[in-house]
Amino acid sequence: MHADHHTETADEEYTLPSVEALLAGTLALMTGYAQSARECPRRPLMARKLVSNLFFLSGHPQLSVPMQTMVSNLRTRWQLEVENAADAAAHAVPSPLWHAVPASVQ
């Protein structure tokens, strides 16, 4: 007797074709980005990875041409987000410290 595939894997474990796995990972990154605080140090990395994933999806042979075009447009928008975040970080004023930094540590 063969065990059911669903009982052998965890709820979050899936076997997907490569294009679907890449799309699922991209959607998960978008969710993580949207749910993270603006100050999150990993947020810029998530945005850069999103741009990378969308780049590969935009040329993926298993996606239709209209879907490739839509994904390419999304990549352009996310690239602007990456550039705007980099500009904002370059012009950010550090917050003042609550306590003075000691001249030396004992």
N, C-alpha and C. Protein backbone atom coordinates (compact mmCIF):
# COMPACT_ATOMS: atom_id res chain seq x y z
N MET A 1 0.84 -1.17 0.00
CA MET A 1 0.00 0.00 0.00
C MET A 1 0.89 1.23 0.00
N HIS A 2 0.57 2.19 -0.88
CA HIS A 2 1.36 3.41 -1.02
C HIS A 2 0.79 4.51 -0.14
N ALA A 3 1.69 5.24 0.49
CA ALA A 3 1.25 6.37 1.32
C ALA A 3 0.86 7.54 0.44
N ASP A 4 -0.11 8.29 0.88
CA ASP A 4 -0.55 9.49 0.16
C ASP A 4 0.57 10.52 0.19
N HIS A 5 0.83 11.17 -0.93
CA HIS A 5 1.89 12.17 -1.05
C HIS A 5 1.69 13.30 -0.04
N HIS A 6 0.45 13.69 0.20
CA HIS A 6 0.18 14.80 1.10
C HIS A 6 0.54 14.48 2.55
N THR A 7 0.49 13.21 2.93
CA THR A 7 0.85 12.86 4.30
C THR A 7 2.35 12.76 4.48
N GLU A 8 3.08 12.63 3.39
CA GLU A 8 4.53 12.51 3.47
C GLU A 8 5.23 13.85 3.55
N THR A 9 4.59 14.93 3.14
CA THR A 9 5.24 16.24 3.11
C THR A 9 4.58 17.18 4.09
N ALA A 10 5.32 18.19 4.47
CA ALA A 10 4.79 19.22 5.37
C ALA A 10 3.83 20.11 4.59
N ASP A 11 3.03 20.87 5.33
CA ASP A 11 2.05 21.74 4.69
C ASP A 11 2.67 22.77 3.76
N GLU A 12 3.88 23.23 4.05
CA GLU A 12 4.52 24.27 3.26
C GLU A 12 5.48 23.71 2.20
N GLU A 13 5.48 22.42 1.99
CA GLU A 13 6.37 21.80 1.04
C GLU A 13 5.63 21.49 -0.25
N TYR A 14 6.16 21.98 -1.36
CA TYR A 14 5.50 21.78 -2.65
C TYR A 14 6.55 21.37 -3.68
N THR A 15 6.09 20.67 -4.68
CA THR A 15 6.93 20.36 -5.83
C THR A 15 6.33 21.12 -7.01
N LEU A 16 7.06 22.13 -7.47
CA LEU A 16 6.56 23.00 -8.53
C LEU A 16 7.51 22.99 -9.71
N PRO A 17 6.97 23.21 -10.92
CA PRO A 17 7.85 23.45 -12.06
C PRO A 17 8.68 24.71 -11.80
N SER A 18 9.84 24.82 -12.42
CA SER A 18 10.76 25.91 -12.10
C SER A 18 10.14 27.30 -12.24
N VAL A 19 9.36 27.53 -13.27
CA VAL A 19 8.77 28.86 -13.45
C VAL A 19 7.77 29.16 -12.33
N GLU A 20 7.02 28.17 -11.90
CA GLU A 20 6.07 28.38 -10.82
C GLU A 20 6.78 28.56 -9.48
N ALA A 21 7.88 27.84 -9.28
CA ALA A 21 8.66 28.00 -8.06
C ALA A 21 9.25 29.41 -7.99
N LEU A 22 9.76 29.90 -9.11
CA LEU A 22 10.31 31.25 -9.16
C LEU A 22 9.21 32.29 -8.93
N LEU A 23 8.06 32.07 -9.51
CA LEU A 23 6.94 32.98 -9.31
C LEU A 23 6.46 32.95 -7.85
N ALA A 24 6.38 31.77 -7.26
CA ALA A 24 5.96 31.65 -5.86
C ALA A 24 6.96 32.35 -4.94
N GLY A 25 8.24 32.16 -5.19
CA GLY A 25 9.26 32.83 -4.38
C GLY A 25 9.19 34.34 -4.52
N THR A 26 8.91 34.81 -5.72
CA THR A 26 8.79 36.24 -5.97
C THR A 26 7.60 36.82 -5.24
N LEU A 27 6.49 36.12 -5.27
CA LEU A 27 5.30 36.59 -4.54
C LEU A 27 5.54 36.59 -3.03
N ALA A 28 6.26 35.60 -2.54
CA ALA A 28 6.59 35.56 -1.11
C ALA A 28 7.49 36.74 -0.73
N LEU A 29 8.46 37.07 -1.60
CA LEU A 29 9.31 38.23 -1.35
C LEU A 29 8.51 39.52 -1.35
N MET A 30 7.57 39.64 -2.28
CA MET A 30 6.72 40.83 -2.33
C MET A 30 5.92 40.97 -1.04
N THR A 31 5.43 39.86 -0.54
CA THR A 31 4.68 39.87 0.72
C THR A 31 5.58 40.29 1.86
N GLY A 32 6.76 39.71 1.93
CA GLY A 32 7.71 40.07 2.98
C GLY A 32 8.10 41.54 2.92
N TYR A 33 8.30 42.05 1.72
CA TYR A 33 8.66 43.45 1.55
C TYR A 33 7.51 44.35 2.03
N ALA A 34 6.30 44.02 1.65
CA ALA A 34 5.14 44.83 2.01
C ALA A 34 4.89 44.81 3.52
N GLN A 35 5.19 43.70 4.17
CA GLN A 35 4.92 43.56 5.60
C GLN A 35 6.07 44.03 6.49
N SER A 36 7.22 44.33 5.90
CA SER A 36 8.36 44.76 6.71
C SER A 36 8.31 46.26 6.96
N ALA A 37 8.91 46.66 8.05
CA ALA A 37 8.99 48.08 8.39
C ALA A 37 9.95 48.77 7.42
N ARG A 38 9.73 50.04 7.18
CA ARG A 38 10.60 50.81 6.28
C ARG A 38 12.05 50.80 6.76
N GLU A 39 12.25 50.69 8.07
CA GLU A 39 13.61 50.71 8.63
C GLU A 39 14.29 49.35 8.58
N CYS A 40 13.60 48.32 8.14
CA CYS A 40 14.15 46.97 8.10
C CYS A 40 15.42 46.95 7.24
N PRO A 41 16.55 46.51 7.80
CA PRO A 41 17.79 46.52 7.04
C PRO A 41 17.82 45.55 5.85
N ARG A 42 16.92 44.58 5.84
CA ARG A 42 16.89 43.61 4.74
C ARG A 42 15.95 44.02 3.61
N ARG A 43 15.20 45.08 3.82
CA ARG A 43 14.23 45.52 2.82
C ARG A 43 14.88 45.84 1.46
N PRO A 44 15.98 46.59 1.43
CA PRO A 44 16.63 46.84 0.13
C PRO A 44 17.10 45.57 -0.56
N LEU A 45 17.57 44.60 0.23
CA LEU A 45 18.00 43.32 -0.36
C LEU A 45 16.82 42.57 -0.97
N MET A 46 15.67 42.62 -0.28
CA MET A 46 14.47 41.96 -0.83
C MET A 46 14.08 42.61 -2.14
N ALA A 47 14.13 43.94 -2.19
CA ALA A 47 13.75 44.65 -3.42
C ALA A 47 14.71 44.30 -4.56
N ARG A 48 16.00 44.22 -4.27
CA ARG A 48 16.97 43.87 -5.31
C ARG A 48 16.73 42.44 -5.81
N LYS A 49 16.42 41.53 -4.90
CA LYS A 49 16.14 40.14 -5.29
C LYS A 49 14.86 40.08 -6.12
N LEU A 50 13.87 40.90 -5.77
CA LEU A 50 12.64 40.96 -6.57
C LEU A 50 12.94 41.38 -8.00
N VAL A 51 13.78 42.39 -8.15
CA VAL A 51 14.15 42.85 -9.50
C VAL A 51 14.82 41.72 -10.26
N SER A 52 15.70 40.99 -9.60
CA SER A 52 16.39 39.87 -10.23
C SER A 52 15.40 38.78 -10.65
N ASN A 53 14.52 38.40 -9.74
CA ASN A 53 13.53 37.36 -10.06
C ASN A 53 12.64 37.80 -11.21
N LEU A 54 12.19 39.04 -11.18
CA LEU A 54 11.31 39.54 -12.25
C LEU A 54 12.05 39.58 -13.58
N PHE A 55 13.35 39.86 -13.55
CA PHE A 55 14.15 39.83 -14.77
C PHE A 55 14.13 38.43 -15.39
N PHE A 56 14.38 37.42 -14.56
CA PHE A 56 14.39 36.05 -15.08
C PHE A 56 13.01 35.60 -15.52
N LEU A 57 11.98 36.01 -14.80
CA LEU A 57 10.61 35.66 -15.21
C LEU A 57 10.23 36.34 -16.52
N SER A 58 10.71 37.56 -16.74
CA SER A 58 10.33 38.30 -17.95
C SER A 58 10.84 37.66 -19.23
N GLY A 59 11.83 36.80 -19.12
CA GLY A 59 12.34 36.11 -20.29
C GLY A 59 12.14 34.61 -20.23
N HIS A 60 11.34 34.15 -19.29
CA HIS A 60 11.17 32.70 -19.12
C HIS A 60 10.34 32.13 -20.27
N PRO A 61 10.83 31.07 -20.91
CA PRO A 61 10.13 30.52 -22.08
C PRO A 61 8.79 29.86 -21.76
N GLN A 62 8.54 29.52 -20.49
CA GLN A 62 7.26 28.90 -20.16
C GLN A 62 6.15 29.93 -19.90
N LEU A 63 6.49 31.22 -19.92
CA LEU A 63 5.47 32.25 -19.75
C LEU A 63 5.05 32.78 -21.11
N SER A 64 3.79 33.13 -21.22
CA SER A 64 3.30 33.70 -22.47
C SER A 64 3.92 35.08 -22.68
N VAL A 65 3.90 35.54 -23.92
CA VAL A 65 4.45 36.86 -24.23
C VAL A 65 3.74 37.97 -23.45
N PRO A 66 2.39 37.96 -23.36
CA PRO A 66 1.75 39.00 -22.54
C PRO A 66 2.17 38.95 -21.07
N MET A 67 2.36 37.76 -20.52
CA MET A 67 2.80 37.63 -19.13
C MET A 67 4.23 38.12 -18.99
N GLN A 68 5.10 37.80 -19.94
CA GLN A 68 6.47 38.29 -19.92
C GLN A 68 6.50 39.82 -19.95
N THR A 69 5.63 40.42 -20.76
CA THR A 69 5.56 41.88 -20.84
C THR A 69 5.10 42.48 -19.52
N MET A 70 4.08 41.88 -18.91
CA MET A 70 3.57 42.37 -17.63
C MET A 70 4.65 42.27 -16.55
N VAL A 71 5.37 41.15 -16.51
CA VAL A 71 6.43 40.96 -15.54
C VAL A 71 7.58 41.95 -15.79
N SER A 72 7.88 42.22 -17.04
CA SER A 72 8.91 43.20 -17.38
C SER A 72 8.52 44.59 -16.88
N ASN A 73 7.25 44.95 -17.03
CA ASN A 73 6.77 46.23 -16.51
C ASN A 73 6.88 46.29 -14.99
N LEU A 74 6.56 45.19 -14.33
CA LEU A 74 6.72 45.12 -12.88
C LEU A 74 8.18 45.30 -12.48
N ARG A 75 9.07 44.67 -13.24
CA ARG A 75 10.50 44.78 -12.95
C ARG A 75 10.94 46.24 -13.03
N THR A 76 10.45 46.97 -14.02
CA THR A 76 10.79 48.39 -14.15
C THR A 76 10.33 49.17 -12.93
N ARG A 77 9.12 48.89 -12.46
CA ARG A 77 8.61 49.59 -11.27
C ARG A 77 9.42 49.25 -10.02
N TRP A 78 9.78 47.98 -9.88
CA TRP A 78 10.58 47.59 -8.72
C TRP A 78 11.99 48.16 -8.81
N GLN A 79 12.53 48.27 -10.01
CA GLN A 79 13.86 48.88 -10.18
C GLN A 79 13.82 50.34 -9.71
N LEU A 80 12.74 51.04 -10.01
CA LEU A 80 12.58 52.41 -9.52
C LEU A 80 12.52 52.45 -8.00
N GLU A 81 11.85 51.47 -7.41
CA GLU A 81 11.79 51.37 -5.94
C GLU A 81 13.19 51.19 -5.36
N VAL A 82 13.99 50.34 -5.98
CA VAL A 82 15.36 50.11 -5.52
C VAL A 82 16.17 51.40 -5.61
N GLU A 83 16.05 52.10 -6.74
CA GLU A 83 16.81 53.34 -6.93
C GLU A 83 16.34 54.42 -5.97
N ASN A 84 15.03 54.55 -5.76
CA ASN A 84 14.51 55.55 -4.82
C ASN A 84 14.95 55.26 -3.40
N ALA A 85 14.96 53.99 -3.01
CA ALA A 85 15.41 53.61 -1.67
C ALA A 85 16.89 53.92 -1.50
N ALA A 86 17.69 53.70 -2.54
CA ALA A 86 19.12 53.99 -2.46
C ALA A 86 19.34 55.50 -2.33
N ASP A 87 18.58 56.29 -3.08
CA ASP A 87 18.68 57.75 -2.98
C ASP A 87 18.29 58.22 -1.58
N ALA A 88 17.21 57.67 -1.05
CA ALA A 88 16.75 58.05 0.29
C ALA A 88 17.79 57.69 1.34
N ALA A 89 18.40 56.53 1.20
CA ALA A 89 19.41 56.10 2.17
C ALA A 89 20.65 56.99 2.09
N ALA A 90 20.99 57.44 0.90
CA ALA A 90 22.17 58.30 0.73
C ALA A 90 21.95 59.67 1.37
N HIS A 91 20.70 60.12 1.42
CA HIS A 91 20.38 61.44 1.96
C HIS A 91 19.80 61.38 3.38
N ALA A 92 19.79 60.21 3.97
CA ALA A 92 19.21 60.06 5.30
C ALA A 92 20.12 60.70 6.34
N VAL A 93 19.50 61.36 7.28
CA VAL A 93 20.24 61.97 8.39
C VAL A 93 20.19 60.99 9.55
N PRO A 94 21.34 60.62 10.08
CA PRO A 94 21.33 59.66 11.18
C PRO A 94 20.62 60.26 12.40
N SER A 95 19.93 59.42 13.12
CA SER A 95 19.23 59.89 14.32
C SER A 95 20.25 60.14 15.42
N PRO A 96 20.00 61.15 16.25
CA PRO A 96 20.95 61.43 17.32
C PRO A 96 20.95 60.31 18.36
N LEU A 97 22.11 60.11 18.95
CA LEU A 97 22.24 59.09 19.98
C LEU A 97 21.64 59.59 21.29
N TRP A 98 21.13 58.71 22.09
CA TRP A 98 20.57 59.09 23.38
C TRP A 98 21.67 59.43 24.38
N HIS A 99 22.81 58.78 24.22
CA HIS A 99 23.93 58.99 25.13
C HIS A 99 25.17 59.29 24.31
N ALA A 100 26.05 60.05 24.90
CA ALA A 100 27.31 60.36 24.23
C ALA A 100 28.16 59.09 24.13
N VAL A 101 28.90 58.97 23.07
CA VAL A 101 29.80 57.83 22.86
C VAL A 101 31.03 58.05 23.73
N PRO A 102 31.43 57.05 24.53
CA PRO A 102 32.62 57.23 25.37
C PRO A 102 33.88 57.33 24.52
N ALA A 103 34.84 58.09 25.03
CA ALA A 103 36.10 58.27 24.32
C ALA A 103 36.90 56.99 24.28
N SER A 104 36.78 56.16 25.32
CA SER A 104 37.49 54.89 25.35
C SER A 104 36.66 53.86 26.11
N VAL A 105 36.97 52.63 25.87
CA VAL A 105 36.29 51.53 26.54
C VAL A 105 37.28 50.85 27.46
N GLN A 106 36.88 50.62 28.70
CA GLN A 106 37.82 50.02 29.67
C GLN A 106 37.90 48.54 29.50
